[in-house]
Amino acid sequence: MSKLVPFLAFVAMPVLYGCSAPPPVIPENLSVKSLVLTDKNGNKRAVLDTEQGNQPQLAFFDEKGRSRVLVGLLDDETPVLEVSGPDGRNRAQIVVAESSPRMTLQDRNGVTRMSMSVSADGIAEIVINDQYSKRRASFVVLPSGTSGVLLHDRNRNISGMFVNTEDSTPFLSLRDRNGKVRATLMLNSDGSPALGFGNGKDKEVFQFKITENGSPQLLLKDLQNTEKEDPK
């Protein structure tokens, strides 16, 4: 017993004099194939790995284990961001491919209903689809400044179009099922309005306009598109 007392005293001395254990060594680099974060219940909530095509991906999961947010690179190293709904289906996606960003929005059935993109040559476009993923409306702005709203039928043909040209000239065009222009309404550069009707064969056969001096004018055209002013 007499030998044990000095030994205990020696062991207890660092504690009595306020000494503590050396600080843990923090590594400068951490190399792992997969990093999994769990919540207090042990549920997987985030995963960082390279299992998909040997490309890095970071996924976030809800309490039921469904992926809700995914950030990573595709096989061709295109960056992508995906957001899923409570059912696990993809509802929004942002992709940047070759300096051309694109965002798509899907409904609860996974059908793309809206997309927004900017092409490599600077064309900005918003497209709205129906429940069958067919284009029904689009809004386009060209680098020149010309902007337009296009309406599409069920066959994706343009049925109506409103354009504002780069010189701020508004133009309205209506087309038939075959995509042929049948009616137009526009303001000329001098501000005078003009209304025209086509025959369905890319020929305008009737035009009513207000001239620069404010006089109404009716023009009838033959199949060769030769103007004939109405004598009335």
Protein backbone atom coordinates (compact mmCIF):
# COMPACT_ATOMS: atom_id res chain seq x y z
CA MET A 1 0.00 0.00 0.00
CA SER A 2 2.88 2.32 0.82
CA LYS A 3 4.26 1.97 -2.73
CA LEU A 4 0.84 2.59 -4.38
CA VAL A 5 0.33 6.01 -2.82
CA PRO A 6 3.35 7.68 -4.47
CA PHE A 7 2.35 6.19 -7.85
CA LEU A 8 -1.21 7.56 -7.63
CA ALA A 9 0.16 10.92 -6.61
CA PHE A 10 2.47 10.95 -9.65
CA VAL A 11 -0.42 10.13 -12.00
CA ALA A 12 -2.68 12.76 -10.46
CA MET A 13 -0.10 15.56 -10.58
CA PRO A 14 -0.92 16.76 -14.18
CA VAL A 15 -4.58 17.03 -13.23
CA LEU A 16 -3.85 18.86 -9.98
CA TYR A 17 -1.61 21.37 -11.72
CA GLY A 18 -4.09 22.03 -14.57
CA CYS A 19 -2.26 20.15 -17.31
CA SER A 20 -4.37 18.73 -20.16
CA ALA A 21 -3.88 16.21 -22.95
CA PRO A 22 -2.25 17.47 -26.19
CA PRO A 23 -4.70 18.81 -28.84
CA PRO A 24 -5.84 16.34 -31.50
CA VAL A 25 -4.02 16.38 -34.81
CA ILE A 26 -6.29 17.68 -37.60
CA PRO A 27 -5.33 16.35 -41.04
CA GLU A 28 -4.95 18.91 -43.79
CA ASN A 29 -6.49 16.58 -46.40
CA LEU A 30 -9.20 13.94 -46.16
CA SER A 31 -9.39 11.35 -48.94
CA VAL A 32 -12.48 9.14 -49.08
CA LYS A 33 -14.59 7.55 -51.82
CA SER A 34 -17.87 8.39 -50.13
CA LEU A 35 -18.92 10.72 -47.33
CA VAL A 36 -22.28 10.10 -45.65
CA LEU A 37 -23.96 12.45 -43.17
CA THR A 38 -26.66 11.11 -40.88
CA ASP A 39 -29.10 12.76 -38.49
CA LYS A 40 -29.50 12.01 -34.79
CA ASN A 41 -31.68 9.01 -35.66
CA GLY A 42 -29.07 7.50 -37.94
CA ASN A 43 -30.96 8.33 -41.14
CA LYS A 44 -28.91 9.19 -44.23
CA ARG A 45 -29.41 12.88 -45.02
CA ALA A 46 -26.51 13.78 -47.35
CA VAL A 47 -24.03 11.85 -49.49
CA LEU A 48 -20.97 13.06 -51.34
CA ASP A 49 -19.47 10.48 -53.69
CA THR A 50 -18.29 9.71 -57.22
CA GLU A 51 -20.25 6.52 -57.87
CA GLN A 52 -22.25 7.87 -60.86
CA GLY A 53 -19.96 7.75 -63.89
CA ASN A 54 -16.94 8.54 -61.71
CA GLN A 55 -18.22 12.12 -61.42
CA PRO A 56 -18.70 13.99 -58.12
CA GLN A 57 -22.25 14.36 -56.82
CA LEU A 58 -23.73 15.77 -53.65
CA ALA A 59 -27.22 14.54 -52.75
CA PHE A 60 -29.54 15.65 -49.94
CA PHE A 61 -32.28 13.35 -48.61
CA ASP A 62 -35.45 13.93 -46.61
CA GLU A 63 -36.42 12.01 -43.48
CA LYS A 64 -37.92 9.22 -45.62
CA GLY A 65 -34.70 8.69 -47.51
CA ARG A 66 -35.85 10.25 -50.78
CA SER A 67 -33.40 12.37 -52.75
CA ARG A 68 -34.62 16.00 -52.84
CA VAL A 69 -31.61 17.98 -54.08
CA LEU A 70 -28.76 16.80 -56.27
CA VAL A 71 -25.70 18.80 -57.33
CA GLY A 72 -23.02 17.29 -59.50
CA LEU A 73 -21.46 16.67 -62.89
CA LEU A 74 -22.87 14.54 -65.69
CA ASP A 75 -20.80 11.99 -67.60
CA ASP A 76 -19.67 14.72 -70.02
CA GLU A 77 -18.74 16.94 -67.04
CA THR A 78 -21.73 19.22 -67.54
CA PRO A 79 -22.75 20.77 -64.19
CA VAL A 80 -26.32 20.06 -63.11
CA LEU A 81 -28.68 20.94 -60.25
CA GLU A 82 -31.83 18.88 -59.71
CA VAL A 83 -34.66 19.48 -57.23
CA SER A 84 -37.26 16.77 -56.58
CA GLY A 85 -40.71 16.87 -55.00
CA PRO A 86 -41.96 14.92 -51.97
CA ASP A 87 -42.69 11.96 -54.26
CA GLY A 88 -39.06 11.81 -55.34
CA ARG A 89 -39.78 12.91 -58.94
CA ASN A 90 -37.62 15.55 -60.56
CA ARG A 91 -39.44 18.92 -60.58
CA ALA A 92 -36.71 21.39 -61.54
CA GLN A 93 -33.35 21.15 -63.25
CA ILE A 94 -30.58 23.58 -64.15
CA VAL A 95 -27.92 22.52 -66.64
CA VAL A 96 -25.04 24.52 -68.09
CA ALA A 97 -23.75 22.88 -71.27
CA GLU A 98 -21.12 24.57 -73.45
CA SER A 99 -21.81 28.03 -71.99
CA SER A 100 -25.54 27.59 -72.67
CA PRO A 101 -27.57 27.54 -69.42
CA ARG A 102 -31.01 25.91 -69.35
CA MET A 103 -33.64 25.52 -66.63
CA THR A 104 -36.61 23.17 -66.90
CA LEU A 105 -39.68 22.76 -64.67
CA GLN A 106 -41.72 19.55 -64.54
CA ASP A 107 -45.22 18.82 -63.28
CA ARG A 108 -46.04 16.05 -60.80
CA ASN A 109 -46.15 13.53 -63.67
CA GLY A 110 -42.59 14.32 -64.67
CA VAL A 111 -43.61 16.14 -67.88
CA THR A 112 -41.56 19.22 -68.73
CA ARG A 113 -44.00 22.17 -68.71
CA MET A 114 -41.62 25.13 -68.88
CA SER A 115 -38.04 25.74 -69.93
CA MET A 116 -35.80 28.80 -69.98
CA SER A 117 -32.54 28.93 -71.88
CA VAL A 118 -29.88 31.19 -73.34
CA SER A 119 -28.11 29.80 -76.40
CA ALA A 120 -24.41 30.16 -77.06
CA ASP A 121 -25.15 32.89 -79.63
CA GLY A 122 -27.21 34.91 -77.15
CA ILE A 123 -30.82 33.94 -77.98
CA ALA A 124 -32.98 33.99 -74.82
CA GLU A 125 -36.09 31.81 -74.90
CA ILE A 126 -38.93 30.76 -72.59
CA VAL A 127 -41.02 27.78 -73.70
CA ILE A 128 -44.33 26.65 -72.18
CA ASN A 129 -45.60 23.12 -72.93
CA ASP A 130 -48.93 21.40 -72.43
CA GLN A 131 -49.50 18.25 -70.38
CA TYR A 132 -48.17 16.18 -73.29
CA SER A 133 -44.86 18.09 -73.39
CA LYS A 134 -45.84 19.76 -76.68
CA ARG A 135 -44.78 23.36 -77.17
CA ARG A 136 -47.78 25.71 -76.99
CA ALA A 137 -46.23 29.11 -76.36
CA SER A 138 -42.77 30.66 -76.42
CA PHE A 139 -41.15 34.02 -75.82
CA VAL A 140 -37.94 34.81 -77.67
CA VAL A 141 -35.48 37.70 -77.55
CA LEU A 142 -32.78 37.84 -80.23
CA PRO A 143 -29.36 39.48 -79.78
CA SER A 144 -30.48 42.16 -82.26
CA GLY A 145 -33.19 43.25 -79.83
CA THR A 146 -36.11 41.74 -81.75
CA SER A 147 -38.57 40.08 -79.38
CA GLY A 148 -41.57 37.90 -80.07
CA VAL A 149 -44.36 35.85 -78.55
CA LEU A 150 -45.29 32.72 -80.50
CA LEU A 151 -48.40 30.56 -80.05
CA HIS A 152 -48.39 26.96 -81.25
CA ASP A 153 -51.15 24.48 -82.08
CA ARG A 154 -51.24 20.84 -80.98
CA ASN A 155 -48.96 19.90 -83.88
CA ARG A 156 -46.39 22.47 -82.69
CA ASN A 157 -47.02 24.67 -85.74
CA ILE A 158 -47.03 28.43 -85.18
CA SER A 159 -50.63 29.67 -85.20
CA GLY A 160 -50.09 33.20 -83.91
CA MET A 161 -47.11 35.47 -83.56
CA PHE A 162 -46.54 38.93 -82.15
CA VAL A 163 -43.14 40.43 -82.91
CA ASN A 164 -41.49 43.70 -81.97
CA THR A 165 -38.59 44.23 -84.36
CA GLU A 166 -35.24 45.77 -83.50
CA ASP A 167 -36.46 49.14 -84.84
CA SER A 168 -39.52 48.88 -82.50
CA THR A 169 -41.98 48.01 -85.27
CA PRO A 170 -44.81 45.82 -83.86
CA PHE A 171 -46.15 43.04 -86.05
CA LEU A 172 -49.03 40.57 -85.49
CA SER A 173 -49.44 37.46 -87.63
CA LEU A 174 -52.14 34.76 -87.64
CA ARG A 175 -51.66 31.43 -89.44
CA ASP A 176 -53.85 28.50 -90.45
CA ARG A 177 -53.34 24.82 -89.61
CA ASN A 178 -50.84 24.48 -92.43
CA GLY A 179 -48.68 27.29 -91.06
CA LYS A 180 -49.68 29.69 -93.85
CA VAL A 181 -50.06 33.38 -92.97
CA ARG A 182 -53.73 34.39 -93.30
CA ALA A 183 -53.86 37.73 -91.47
CA THR A 184 -51.37 40.40 -90.43
CA LEU A 185 -51.55 43.62 -88.50
CA MET A 186 -48.58 45.95 -88.27
CA LEU A 187 -47.44 49.51 -87.76
CA ASN A 188 -45.16 50.83 -90.46
CA SER A 189 -42.00 52.78 -89.65
CA ASP A 190 -43.97 56.03 -90.11
CA GLY A 191 -46.53 54.86 -87.53
CA SER A 192 -49.31 54.14 -90.03
CA PRO A 193 -51.28 50.91 -89.41
CA ALA A 194 -51.86 48.22 -92.02
CA LEU A 195 -54.14 45.16 -92.04
CA GLY A 196 -53.58 42.36 -94.54
CA PHE A 197 -55.14 39.02 -95.46
CA GLY A 198 -53.48 36.10 -97.24
CA ASN A 199 -54.88 33.41 -99.50
CA GLY A 200 -53.13 30.53 -97.78
CA LYS A 201 -50.51 30.28 -100.53
CA ASP A 202 -48.02 32.79 -99.14
CA LYS A 203 -49.70 35.59 -101.10
CA GLU A 204 -51.32 38.67 -99.59
CA VAL A 205 -54.52 39.42 -101.54
CA PHE A 206 -56.09 42.17 -99.44
CA GLN A 207 -54.64 45.07 -97.52
CA PHE A 208 -56.20 47.99 -95.74
CA LYS A 209 -53.94 50.69 -94.42
CA ILE A 210 -53.81 54.31 -93.33
CA THR A 211 -51.32 56.27 -95.38
CA GLU A 212 -48.74 58.65 -93.96
CA ASN A 213 -51.04 61.63 -94.56
CA GLY A 214 -53.88 59.91 -92.70
CA SER A 215 -55.93 58.75 -95.68
CA PRO A 216 -57.43 55.24 -95.68
CA GLN A 217 -56.37 53.00 -98.55
CA LEU A 218 -57.68 49.63 -99.70
CA LEU A 219 -55.46 47.45 -101.87
CA LEU A 220 -56.53 44.29 -103.70
CA LYS A 221 -53.82 42.02 -105.10
CA ASP A 222 -53.91 39.32 -107.74
CA LEU A 223 -52.06 36.02 -107.53
CA GLN A 224 -48.92 37.71 -108.85
CA ASN A 225 -49.12 40.03 -105.83
CA THR A 226 -49.70 43.05 -108.08
CA GLU A 227 -51.35 45.88 -106.17
CA LYS A 228 -54.65 47.24 -107.46
CA GLU A 229 -56.09 50.14 -105.55
CA ASP A 230 -59.83 50.00 -105.00
CA PRO A 231 -61.35 52.83 -107.05
CA LYS A 232 -63.83 53.44 -104.28
